[in-house]
Amino acid sequence: CDPVLENNTWAKIAEIAAFGKAAQMWSIGDVKQLSIDGTNYPATIVDFGHHDLDSTDTKYGDAEYNSGSNKAGITFWVAGIYKNTKYAMYGSDTAGITWQTSTVRTSVMPTIKNQLPTELQAVLRTVRTPQNTRDDTADQLFLLSSIEIGSKNGSTNYVKDKTGSMLDYFVAGNERRLKRNNAYDDWWTRTTNSTNSFVTVDETGNLYYGITYGTSGGVAPAFCL
């Protein structure tokens, strides 16, 4: 494979991830341009071996995949707001809505997945995406959680998730902010609080609870190979 991530096909990147050699070939922060419905987005490596494979994934229990770790080889984050627009996490401010039942997960994510290159769709891993005290969910395309992103100012007030740990990309201090129409704007995480709102990353790069279900926010999906 090519040591420059951009020069590899998605199939080749997935092959290296399956051999457990991705971290030896590429680095946190490396980018491959990803075309989604005719627009290019920076698909950025944010960690290696971070997300647990779901038991339904074809590589789960496979001793030859990533050294039998049952961990996805690479986690990518699409570091751009999809369609340069905003989406409601749910249609109304109804308490009790979770990531599992949200409109973003059940409608927006499938739409984005169907717009990915066929070659990439074929190699996506199904991983566990826990949030708060809710049951884990199995996803191929998902939002990051509050603890995976971490709070820019070190506060743990908005890091109330059971996912486990920050992604190495954010541990290294890389940019959390995303632009919409050339200005920094809020984007969703999959983490809820105890009432009727989800955590967002605000225009300053900090985690924020003040966005309720019916309010719109940007969508920046992640996926694993």
Protein backbone atom coordinates (compact mmCIF):
# COMPACT_ATOMS: atom_id res chain seq x y z
CA CYS A 1 0.00 0.00 0.00
CA ASP A 2 0.98 3.64 -0.36
CA PRO A 3 2.21 5.44 2.78
CA VAL A 4 0.18 8.45 1.62
CA LEU A 5 -3.37 7.61 2.75
CA GLU A 6 -5.00 9.58 -0.07
CA ASN A 7 -3.32 7.41 -2.71
CA ASN A 8 -4.99 4.18 -1.55
CA THR A 9 -8.38 2.77 -2.46
CA TRP A 10 -10.89 2.17 0.32
CA ALA A 11 -10.54 -1.54 -0.33
CA LYS A 12 -6.78 -1.35 0.21
CA ILE A 13 -7.17 0.71 3.39
CA ALA A 14 -9.64 -1.85 4.73
CA GLU A 15 -7.24 -4.66 3.85
CA ILE A 16 -4.42 -3.05 5.86
CA ALA A 17 -6.83 -2.43 8.76
CA ALA A 18 -7.80 -6.11 8.68
CA PHE A 19 -4.12 -7.13 8.91
CA GLY A 20 -3.76 -4.92 12.01
CA LYS A 21 -1.05 -2.84 10.31
CA ALA A 22 -2.86 0.47 9.82
CA ALA A 23 -1.09 2.28 12.67
CA GLN A 24 2.26 1.27 11.18
CA MET A 25 1.36 2.64 7.76
CA TRP A 26 -0.52 5.84 8.56
CA SER A 27 -0.93 8.40 11.35
CA ILE A 28 -3.66 10.02 13.40
CA GLY A 29 -4.90 13.00 11.41
CA ASP A 30 -4.17 11.56 7.97
CA VAL A 31 -6.93 12.41 5.51
CA LYS A 32 -8.52 10.76 2.49
CA GLN A 33 -11.02 12.82 0.52
CA LEU A 34 -14.43 11.17 0.55
CA SER A 35 -17.08 11.97 -2.04
CA ILE A 36 -20.62 11.98 -0.62
CA ASP A 37 -23.33 12.81 -3.14
CA GLY A 38 -20.87 14.74 -5.29
CA THR A 39 -19.23 16.76 -2.48
CA ASN A 40 -15.76 15.99 -1.07
CA TYR A 41 -15.31 15.75 2.68
CA PRO A 42 -12.08 15.11 4.64
CA ALA A 43 -12.34 11.57 6.04
CA THR A 44 -9.82 11.81 8.86
CA ILE A 45 -8.17 9.01 10.86
CA VAL A 46 -9.06 9.69 14.51
CA ASP A 47 -7.94 6.42 16.12
CA PHE A 48 -6.79 2.85 15.63
CA GLY A 49 -8.36 -0.12 17.44
CA HIS A 50 -10.80 2.07 19.36
CA HIS A 51 -14.29 0.75 18.62
CA ASP A 52 -15.54 -2.73 19.52
CA LEU A 53 -16.89 -4.84 16.69
CA ASP A 54 -20.51 -5.79 17.11
CA SER A 55 -21.25 -9.50 17.34
CA THR A 56 -23.19 -9.24 14.06
CA ASP A 57 -20.13 -8.05 12.13
CA THR A 58 -18.64 -10.65 9.80
CA LYS A 59 -15.18 -10.13 11.32
CA TYR A 60 -16.33 -10.61 14.92
CA GLY A 61 -14.52 -13.60 16.39
CA ASP A 62 -12.21 -13.78 13.36
CA ALA A 63 -8.71 -14.51 14.67
CA GLU A 64 -7.18 -13.16 11.46
CA TYR A 65 -8.88 -9.76 11.59
CA ASN A 66 -6.80 -7.18 13.51
CA SER A 67 -5.03 -9.87 15.54
CA GLY A 68 -8.31 -11.29 16.81
CA SER A 69 -8.89 -8.24 19.02
CA ASN A 70 -12.54 -7.74 18.02
CA LYS A 71 -11.63 -4.07 17.58
CA ALA A 72 -12.15 -2.16 14.34
CA GLY A 73 -8.79 -1.42 12.73
CA ILE A 74 -9.38 2.26 11.94
CA THR A 75 -11.93 4.88 12.99
CA PHE A 76 -12.55 7.70 10.49
CA TRP A 77 -14.38 10.94 11.21
CA VAL A 78 -15.87 12.93 8.34
CA ALA A 79 -14.63 16.33 9.52
CA GLY A 80 -17.21 18.44 7.73
CA ILE A 81 -20.90 19.26 8.20
CA TYR A 82 -22.93 17.08 5.84
CA LYS A 83 -24.72 19.09 3.12
CA ASN A 84 -23.57 22.29 4.87
CA THR A 85 -26.94 22.28 6.63
CA LYS A 86 -28.59 21.31 9.92
CA TYR A 87 -30.87 18.47 10.97
CA ALA A 88 -33.18 17.98 13.95
CA MET A 89 -32.13 15.06 16.14
CA TYR A 90 -35.82 14.31 16.47
CA GLY A 91 -39.00 15.89 15.16
CA SER A 92 -40.08 17.41 18.47
CA ASP A 93 -38.80 18.14 21.97
CA THR A 94 -39.98 14.85 23.39
CA ALA A 95 -38.22 13.53 26.49
CA GLY A 96 -36.87 10.01 26.38
CA ILE A 97 -35.57 10.03 22.81
CA THR A 98 -32.22 8.28 22.49
CA TRP A 99 -29.51 7.98 19.84
CA GLN A 100 -31.02 4.61 18.94
CA THR A 101 -34.42 6.11 18.12
CA SER A 102 -33.29 9.52 16.82
CA THR A 103 -34.14 10.75 13.34
CA VAL A 104 -30.45 11.36 12.64
CA ARG A 105 -29.65 7.69 13.27
CA THR A 106 -32.71 6.15 11.61
CA SER A 107 -33.01 8.49 8.61
CA VAL A 108 -30.01 10.77 8.03
CA MET A 109 -27.31 8.13 8.58
CA PRO A 110 -28.87 5.62 6.12
CA THR A 111 -29.19 8.41 3.55
CA ILE A 112 -25.50 9.29 3.90
CA LYS A 113 -24.45 5.64 3.79
CA ASN A 114 -26.30 5.13 0.51
CA GLN A 115 -24.40 8.08 -0.96
CA LEU A 116 -20.96 6.70 -0.07
CA PRO A 117 -18.84 5.10 -2.79
CA THR A 118 -19.92 1.50 -3.31
CA GLU A 119 -16.35 0.36 -2.64
CA LEU A 120 -16.46 1.95 0.83
CA GLN A 121 -19.93 0.66 1.68
CA ALA A 122 -18.66 -2.87 1.03
CA VAL A 123 -15.92 -2.69 3.69
CA LEU A 124 -17.63 -0.83 6.55
CA ARG A 125 -17.45 -2.56 9.91
CA THR A 126 -20.41 -2.78 12.29
CA VAL A 127 -19.35 -1.48 15.72
CA ARG A 128 -20.86 -0.87 19.15
CA THR A 129 -21.88 2.73 19.81
CA PRO A 130 -22.83 3.10 23.50
CA GLN A 131 -24.22 6.34 24.91
CA ASN A 132 -25.01 7.22 28.54
CA THR A 133 -26.75 4.37 30.37
CA ARG A 134 -28.66 3.32 27.26
CA ASP A 135 -28.19 -0.02 25.58
CA ASP A 136 -25.33 -0.25 23.10
CA THR A 137 -26.29 0.16 19.46
CA ALA A 138 -24.79 -1.50 16.40
CA ASP A 139 -23.88 1.00 13.67
CA GLN A 140 -21.83 1.32 10.50
CA LEU A 141 -22.24 5.10 10.32
CA PHE A 142 -22.60 7.02 13.57
CA LEU A 143 -22.05 10.28 15.43
CA LEU A 144 -19.18 10.58 17.89
CA SER A 145 -19.98 10.63 21.62
CA SER A 146 -19.13 13.36 24.11
CA ILE A 147 -16.41 11.29 25.80
CA GLU A 148 -14.83 10.38 22.45
CA ILE A 149 -14.50 14.09 21.67
CA GLY A 150 -13.73 15.39 25.17
CA SER A 151 -14.17 18.92 26.48
CA LYS A 152 -11.76 21.51 25.10
CA ASN A 153 -11.44 23.29 28.45
CA GLY A 154 -10.92 20.11 30.45
CA SER A 155 -14.35 20.20 32.11
CA THR A 156 -16.09 16.85 32.61
CA ASN A 157 -19.53 18.45 33.05
CA TYR A 158 -20.65 17.42 29.57
CA VAL A 159 -18.70 14.17 29.30
CA LYS A 160 -21.37 11.83 30.61
CA ASP A 161 -21.05 8.80 28.42
CA LYS A 162 -19.96 5.21 28.92
CA THR A 163 -18.13 4.86 25.60
CA GLY A 164 -14.80 4.61 27.37
CA SER A 165 -12.19 7.10 26.24
CA MET A 166 -11.30 10.03 24.02
CA LEU A 167 -10.21 9.37 20.48
CA ASP A 168 -6.47 9.92 20.03
CA TYR A 169 -7.15 12.64 17.45
CA PHE A 170 -8.79 14.82 20.11
CA VAL A 171 -6.33 13.80 22.84
CA ALA A 172 -3.67 15.36 20.59
CA GLY A 173 -5.57 18.67 20.65
CA ASN A 174 -6.82 18.68 17.07
CA GLU A 175 -9.65 20.94 15.95
CA ARG A 176 -13.16 20.16 17.19
CA ARG A 177 -14.87 23.08 15.46
CA LEU A 178 -16.63 22.65 12.13
CA LYS A 179 -17.80 25.31 9.70
CA ARG A 180 -21.19 25.73 8.03
CA ASN A 181 -21.43 28.43 5.36
CA ASN A 182 -17.87 29.51 6.22
CA ALA A 183 -18.64 30.16 9.90
CA TYR A 184 -18.16 27.84 12.89
CA ASP A 185 -21.44 26.27 13.98
CA ASP A 186 -22.89 23.62 16.31
CA TRP A 187 -22.73 19.94 15.39
CA TRP A 188 -24.36 16.96 17.09
CA THR A 189 -22.87 14.21 19.24
CA ARG A 190 -24.85 11.03 19.96
CA THR A 191 -24.80 11.70 23.74
CA THR A 192 -27.98 12.72 25.57
CA ASN A 193 -28.44 14.29 28.97
CA SER A 194 -31.08 13.23 31.47
CA THR A 195 -33.85 15.46 30.13
CA ASN A 196 -34.60 16.35 26.52
CA SER A 197 -31.39 17.45 24.86
CA PHE A 198 -28.33 16.07 23.11
CA VAL A 199 -24.79 17.32 23.54
CA THR A 200 -23.36 19.39 20.71
CA VAL A 201 -19.93 20.77 19.96
CA ASP A 202 -20.47 24.54 19.81
CA GLU A 203 -18.80 27.19 17.67
CA THR A 204 -15.96 27.55 20.22
CA GLY A 205 -15.17 23.81 20.22
CA ASN A 206 -16.67 23.09 23.63
CA LEU A 207 -19.33 20.54 24.51
CA TYR A 208 -22.76 22.04 25.17
CA TYR A 209 -26.08 20.64 26.43
CA GLY A 210 -28.41 23.48 25.46
CA ILE A 211 -29.63 22.09 22.14
CA THR A 212 -32.94 20.27 22.40
CA TYR A 213 -34.25 17.47 20.21
CA GLY A 214 -36.32 19.55 17.81
CA THR A 215 -33.54 22.09 17.32
CA SER A 216 -31.26 21.59 14.33
CA GLY A 217 -27.52 20.89 14.39
CA GLY A 218 -24.81 19.86 11.97
CA VAL A 219 -24.07 16.19 11.24
CA ALA A 220 -20.49 14.89 10.94
CA PRO A 221 -20.54 11.07 10.75
CA ALA A 222 -17.85 8.56 11.68
CA PHE A 223 -17.19 5.01 10.44
CA CYS A 224 -14.78 2.14 10.95
CA LEU A 225 -12.81 -0.18 8.69
